[in-house]
Amino acid sequence: MYPAAALYCWGLPHRKYKGPQHRHTRQTIVAGLQRVFPTLNWNGFEACLIGNDNALDAVVAGLITHQTAAGLCYGPTPHQRSTARIEGWNWLPQVLNG
């Protein structure tokens, strides 16, 4: 999965959020994810996601998986399925709230 592509689809910052110097960008992303997914319960882990870009990527990957299971991501077309079975497929969320 490519978290940056999902963030882009959701209208959130998707570049320059990796590394300690981009903590503010991750804070913006976490706030934006809360708007996109208003029922998401962070269970107090917001600070972890803001402080660690790998943790944020893991949560975004989980959200993509959830959206895929709910039928809210673009999958391969029938023509692309045989290639996707071999090469893999990056599921991209449909644009939400947009």
N, C-alpha and C. Protein backbone atom coordinates (compact mmCIF):
# COMPACT_ATOMS: atom_id res chain seq x y z
N MET A 1 0.83 -1.17 0.00
CA MET A 1 0.00 0.00 0.00
C MET A 1 0.88 1.24 0.00
N TYR A 2 0.34 2.25 -0.59
CA TYR A 2 1.03 3.53 -0.62
C TYR A 2 0.21 4.55 0.15
N PRO A 3 0.54 4.78 1.41
CA PRO A 3 -0.24 5.71 2.22
C PRO A 3 -0.34 7.10 1.59
N ALA A 4 0.71 7.57 0.97
CA ALA A 4 0.68 8.92 0.40
C ALA A 4 -0.41 9.05 -0.65
N ALA A 5 -0.63 8.02 -1.45
CA ALA A 5 -1.68 8.07 -2.48
C ALA A 5 -3.06 8.18 -1.83
N ALA A 6 -3.28 7.45 -0.75
CA ALA A 6 -4.56 7.53 -0.05
C ALA A 6 -4.74 8.91 0.57
N LEU A 7 -3.70 9.43 1.18
CA LEU A 7 -3.79 10.77 1.76
C LEU A 7 -4.16 11.79 0.69
N TYR A 8 -3.56 11.66 -0.48
CA TYR A 8 -3.88 12.55 -1.60
C TYR A 8 -5.36 12.43 -1.97
N CYS A 9 -5.85 11.19 -2.09
CA CYS A 9 -7.25 10.97 -2.43
C CYS A 9 -8.19 11.59 -1.40
N TRP A 10 -7.78 11.60 -0.15
CA TRP A 10 -8.60 12.16 0.92
C TRP A 10 -8.40 13.66 1.08
N GLY A 11 -7.57 14.26 0.22
CA GLY A 11 -7.36 15.70 0.28
C GLY A 11 -6.48 16.15 1.43
N LEU A 12 -5.60 15.27 1.88
CA LEU A 12 -4.72 15.57 3.01
C LEU A 12 -3.28 15.73 2.54
N PRO A 13 -2.43 16.39 3.36
CA PRO A 13 -1.02 16.47 2.99
C PRO A 13 -0.46 15.08 2.74
N HIS A 14 0.29 14.93 1.66
CA HIS A 14 0.79 13.60 1.30
C HIS A 14 2.28 13.61 0.96
N ARG A 15 2.90 14.76 1.07
CA ARG A 15 4.34 14.88 0.83
C ARG A 15 4.98 15.51 2.05
N LYS A 16 6.24 15.16 2.21
CA LYS A 16 7.04 15.75 3.29
C LYS A 16 6.37 15.62 4.65
N TYR A 17 5.95 14.39 4.97
CA TYR A 17 5.43 14.13 6.30
C TYR A 17 6.30 13.12 7.05
N LYS A 18 7.35 12.65 6.39
CA LYS A 18 8.26 11.68 7.01
C LYS A 18 9.39 12.40 7.73
N GLY A 19 9.80 11.83 8.85
CA GLY A 19 10.94 12.37 9.59
C GLY A 19 10.52 13.32 10.70
N PRO A 20 11.40 13.50 11.68
CA PRO A 20 11.08 14.31 12.85
C PRO A 20 10.81 15.78 12.52
N GLN A 21 11.38 16.26 11.45
CA GLN A 21 11.19 17.67 11.09
C GLN A 21 9.81 17.96 10.53
N HIS A 22 9.01 16.92 10.24
CA HIS A 22 7.68 17.10 9.65
C HIS A 22 6.55 16.72 10.60
N ARG A 23 6.82 16.86 11.86
CA ARG A 23 5.82 16.55 12.90
C ARG A 23 4.54 17.37 12.71
N HIS A 24 4.69 18.65 12.37
CA HIS A 24 3.52 19.52 12.19
C HIS A 24 2.64 19.01 11.05
N THR A 25 3.25 18.52 9.98
CA THR A 25 2.48 17.97 8.86
C THR A 25 1.70 16.75 9.30
N ARG A 26 2.33 15.89 10.10
CA ARG A 26 1.62 14.71 10.60
C ARG A 26 0.46 15.11 11.52
N GLN A 27 0.64 16.18 12.27
CA GLN A 27 -0.44 16.68 13.12
C GLN A 27 -1.62 17.12 12.25
N THR A 28 -1.33 17.77 11.14
CA THR A 28 -2.37 18.18 10.19
C THR A 28 -3.05 16.96 9.58
N ILE A 29 -2.28 15.93 9.27
CA ILE A 29 -2.84 14.71 8.70
C ILE A 29 -3.78 14.03 9.69
N VAL A 30 -3.33 13.90 10.94
CA VAL A 30 -4.17 13.25 11.95
C VAL A 30 -5.48 14.02 12.13
N ALA A 31 -5.40 15.33 12.18
CA ALA A 31 -6.63 16.14 12.29
C ALA A 31 -7.51 15.95 11.06
N GLY A 32 -6.90 15.86 9.89
CA GLY A 32 -7.67 15.65 8.67
C GLY A 32 -8.30 14.27 8.62
N LEU A 33 -7.60 13.26 9.10
CA LEU A 33 -8.17 11.91 9.14
C LEU A 33 -9.40 11.88 10.06
N GLN A 34 -9.34 12.64 11.12
CA GLN A 34 -10.49 12.70 12.03
C GLN A 34 -11.70 13.31 11.32
N ARG A 35 -11.47 14.27 10.44
CA ARG A 35 -12.58 14.86 9.67
C ARG A 35 -13.10 13.87 8.63
N VAL A 36 -12.19 13.15 7.97
CA VAL A 36 -12.60 12.19 6.94
C VAL A 36 -13.31 11.00 7.57
N PHE A 37 -12.84 10.58 8.73
CA PHE A 37 -13.40 9.42 9.44
C PHE A 37 -13.86 9.88 10.82
N PRO A 38 -14.99 10.57 10.91
CA PRO A 38 -15.41 11.18 12.17
C PRO A 38 -15.69 10.18 13.30
N THR A 39 -15.93 8.94 12.98
CA THR A 39 -16.19 7.96 14.05
C THR A 39 -14.92 7.22 14.49
N LEU A 40 -13.80 7.56 13.91
CA LEU A 40 -12.54 6.91 14.25
C LEU A 40 -12.16 7.24 15.69
N ASN A 41 -11.91 6.21 16.48
CA ASN A 41 -11.50 6.38 17.88
C ASN A 41 -10.00 6.11 17.95
N TRP A 42 -9.25 7.13 18.24
CA TRP A 42 -7.79 7.02 18.28
C TRP A 42 -7.30 6.31 19.55
N ASN A 43 -8.17 6.15 20.51
CA ASN A 43 -7.80 5.50 21.79
C ASN A 43 -6.57 6.13 22.42
N GLY A 44 -6.42 7.44 22.24
CA GLY A 44 -5.31 8.15 22.87
C GLY A 44 -3.98 8.04 22.15
N PHE A 45 -3.95 7.48 20.95
CA PHE A 45 -2.69 7.27 20.24
C PHE A 45 -2.35 8.38 19.25
N GLU A 46 -3.07 9.49 19.28
CA GLU A 46 -2.78 10.57 18.35
C GLU A 46 -1.32 11.02 18.44
N ALA A 47 -0.82 11.18 19.64
CA ALA A 47 0.56 11.65 19.83
C ALA A 47 1.56 10.68 19.23
N CYS A 48 1.28 9.39 19.32
CA CYS A 48 2.16 8.38 18.72
C CYS A 48 2.21 8.56 17.20
N LEU A 49 1.06 8.79 16.59
CA LEU A 49 1.00 8.94 15.13
C LEU A 49 1.65 10.23 14.68
N ILE A 50 1.53 11.26 15.48
CA ILE A 50 2.16 12.53 15.16
C ILE A 50 3.68 12.42 15.32
N GLY A 51 4.11 11.66 16.29
CA GLY A 51 5.53 11.51 16.56
C GLY A 51 6.25 10.48 15.72
N ASN A 52 5.51 9.59 15.08
CA ASN A 52 6.15 8.48 14.36
C ASN A 52 5.46 8.27 13.01
N ASP A 53 6.16 8.59 11.94
CA ASP A 53 5.56 8.47 10.61
C ASP A 53 5.26 7.02 10.24
N ASN A 54 6.01 6.07 10.76
CA ASN A 54 5.71 4.66 10.48
C ASN A 54 4.39 4.24 11.12
N ALA A 55 4.13 4.72 12.32
CA ALA A 55 2.86 4.42 12.98
C ALA A 55 1.70 5.04 12.20
N LEU A 56 1.89 6.26 11.73
CA LEU A 56 0.86 6.91 10.92
C LEU A 56 0.60 6.12 9.65
N ASP A 57 1.66 5.69 8.97
CA ASP A 57 1.50 4.88 7.75
C ASP A 57 0.73 3.59 8.03
N ALA A 58 0.99 2.98 9.19
CA ALA A 58 0.30 1.75 9.54
C ALA A 58 -1.20 1.99 9.71
N VAL A 59 -1.55 3.09 10.36
CA VAL A 59 -2.97 3.40 10.54
C VAL A 59 -3.62 3.71 9.20
N VAL A 60 -2.93 4.46 8.34
CA VAL A 60 -3.48 4.76 7.01
C VAL A 60 -3.67 3.46 6.23
N ALA A 61 -2.72 2.54 6.31
CA ALA A 61 -2.86 1.25 5.63
C ALA A 61 -4.09 0.50 6.15
N GLY A 62 -4.32 0.56 7.45
CA GLY A 62 -5.51 -0.07 8.03
C GLY A 62 -6.79 0.58 7.53
N LEU A 63 -6.77 1.90 7.41
CA LEU A 63 -7.96 2.60 6.90
C LEU A 63 -8.22 2.23 5.44
N ILE A 64 -7.15 2.11 4.65
CA ILE A 64 -7.30 1.68 3.26
C ILE A 64 -7.90 0.27 3.21
N THR A 65 -7.41 -0.61 4.05
CA THR A 65 -7.93 -1.97 4.11
C THR A 65 -9.41 -1.97 4.46
N HIS A 66 -9.77 -1.17 5.44
CA HIS A 66 -11.17 -1.07 5.84
C HIS A 66 -12.02 -0.53 4.69
N GLN A 67 -11.54 0.50 4.03
CA GLN A 67 -12.27 1.07 2.90
C GLN A 67 -12.38 0.08 1.74
N THR A 68 -11.34 -0.69 1.52
CA THR A 68 -11.37 -1.71 0.46
C THR A 68 -12.44 -2.75 0.78
N ALA A 69 -12.46 -3.23 2.01
CA ALA A 69 -13.46 -4.23 2.42
C ALA A 69 -14.88 -3.69 2.30
N ALA A 70 -15.02 -2.38 2.49
CA ALA A 70 -16.35 -1.75 2.41
C ALA A 70 -16.73 -1.41 0.97
N GLY A 71 -15.85 -1.72 0.02
CA GLY A 71 -16.13 -1.43 -1.38
C GLY A 71 -15.96 0.03 -1.74
N LEU A 72 -15.13 0.74 -0.98
CA LEU A 72 -14.95 2.17 -1.19
C LEU A 72 -13.59 2.52 -1.79
N CYS A 73 -12.93 1.53 -2.40
CA CYS A 73 -11.66 1.77 -3.07
C CYS A 73 -11.75 1.26 -4.51
N TYR A 74 -10.93 1.86 -5.33
CA TYR A 74 -10.88 1.44 -6.73
C TYR A 74 -10.02 0.19 -6.87
N GLY A 75 -10.60 -0.85 -7.41
CA GLY A 75 -9.87 -2.07 -7.68
C GLY A 75 -9.53 -2.17 -9.15
N PRO A 76 -8.86 -3.23 -9.52
CA PRO A 76 -8.51 -3.41 -10.94
C PRO A 76 -9.77 -3.66 -11.76
N THR A 77 -9.74 -3.16 -12.97
CA THR A 77 -10.83 -3.43 -13.90
C THR A 77 -10.73 -4.89 -14.33
N PRO A 78 -11.78 -5.45 -14.91
CA PRO A 78 -11.70 -6.83 -15.38
C PRO A 78 -10.49 -7.06 -16.29
N HIS A 79 -10.17 -6.08 -17.11
CA HIS A 79 -9.03 -6.19 -18.02
C HIS A 79 -7.69 -6.23 -17.26
N GLN A 80 -7.63 -5.61 -16.11
CA GLN A 80 -6.38 -5.52 -15.33
C GLN A 80 -6.21 -6.63 -14.31
N ARG A 81 -7.23 -7.43 -14.08
CA ARG A 81 -7.19 -8.41 -12.99
C ARG A 81 -6.10 -9.46 -13.14
N SER A 82 -5.88 -9.97 -14.33
CA SER A 82 -4.85 -11.00 -14.49
C SER A 82 -3.47 -10.44 -14.17
N THR A 83 -3.21 -9.23 -14.58
CA THR A 83 -1.93 -8.59 -14.26
C THR A 83 -1.85 -8.30 -12.77
N ALA A 84 -2.93 -7.82 -12.18
CA ALA A 84 -2.94 -7.50 -10.75
C ALA A 84 -2.68 -8.74 -9.90
N ARG A 85 -3.16 -9.89 -10.35
CA ARG A 85 -2.91 -11.13 -9.59
C ARG A 85 -1.42 -11.45 -9.52
N ILE A 86 -0.69 -11.05 -10.55
CA ILE A 86 0.75 -11.32 -10.60
C ILE A 86 1.55 -10.18 -9.99
N GLU A 87 1.23 -8.97 -10.40
CA GLU A 87 2.02 -7.80 -10.02
C GLU A 87 1.56 -7.15 -8.72
N GLY A 88 0.31 -7.37 -8.33
CA GLY A 88 -0.26 -6.70 -7.18
C GLY A 88 -1.06 -5.49 -7.63
N TRP A 89 -1.75 -4.88 -6.68
CA TRP A 89 -2.60 -3.74 -6.99
C TRP A 89 -2.59 -2.78 -5.82
N ASN A 90 -2.46 -1.51 -6.12
CA ASN A 90 -2.55 -0.47 -5.09
C ASN A 90 -3.98 0.05 -5.08
N TRP A 91 -4.71 -0.33 -4.07
CA TRP A 91 -6.11 0.11 -3.93
C TRP A 91 -6.11 1.58 -3.52
N LEU A 92 -6.85 2.38 -4.25
CA LEU A 92 -6.96 3.79 -3.94
C LEU A 92 -8.36 4.12 -3.50
N PRO A 93 -8.48 4.85 -2.39
CA PRO A 93 -9.82 5.19 -1.91
C PRO A 93 -10.55 6.11 -2.87
N GLN A 94 -11.84 5.92 -2.91
CA GLN A 94 -12.67 6.88 -3.62
C GLN A 94 -12.61 8.17 -2.83
N VAL A 95 -12.75 9.26 -3.50
CA VAL A 95 -12.68 10.54 -2.80
C VAL A 95 -13.86 10.66 -1.86
N LEU A 96 -13.59 10.92 -0.60
CA LEU A 96 -14.63 11.08 0.41
C LEU A 96 -14.89 12.56 0.63
N ASN A 97 -16.09 12.87 0.97
CA ASN A 97 -16.47 14.25 1.27
C ASN A 97 -16.10 15.21 0.17
N GLY A 98 -16.08 14.73 -1.07
CA GLY A 98 -15.65 15.64 -2.11
C GLY A 98 -16.41 15.53 -3.34
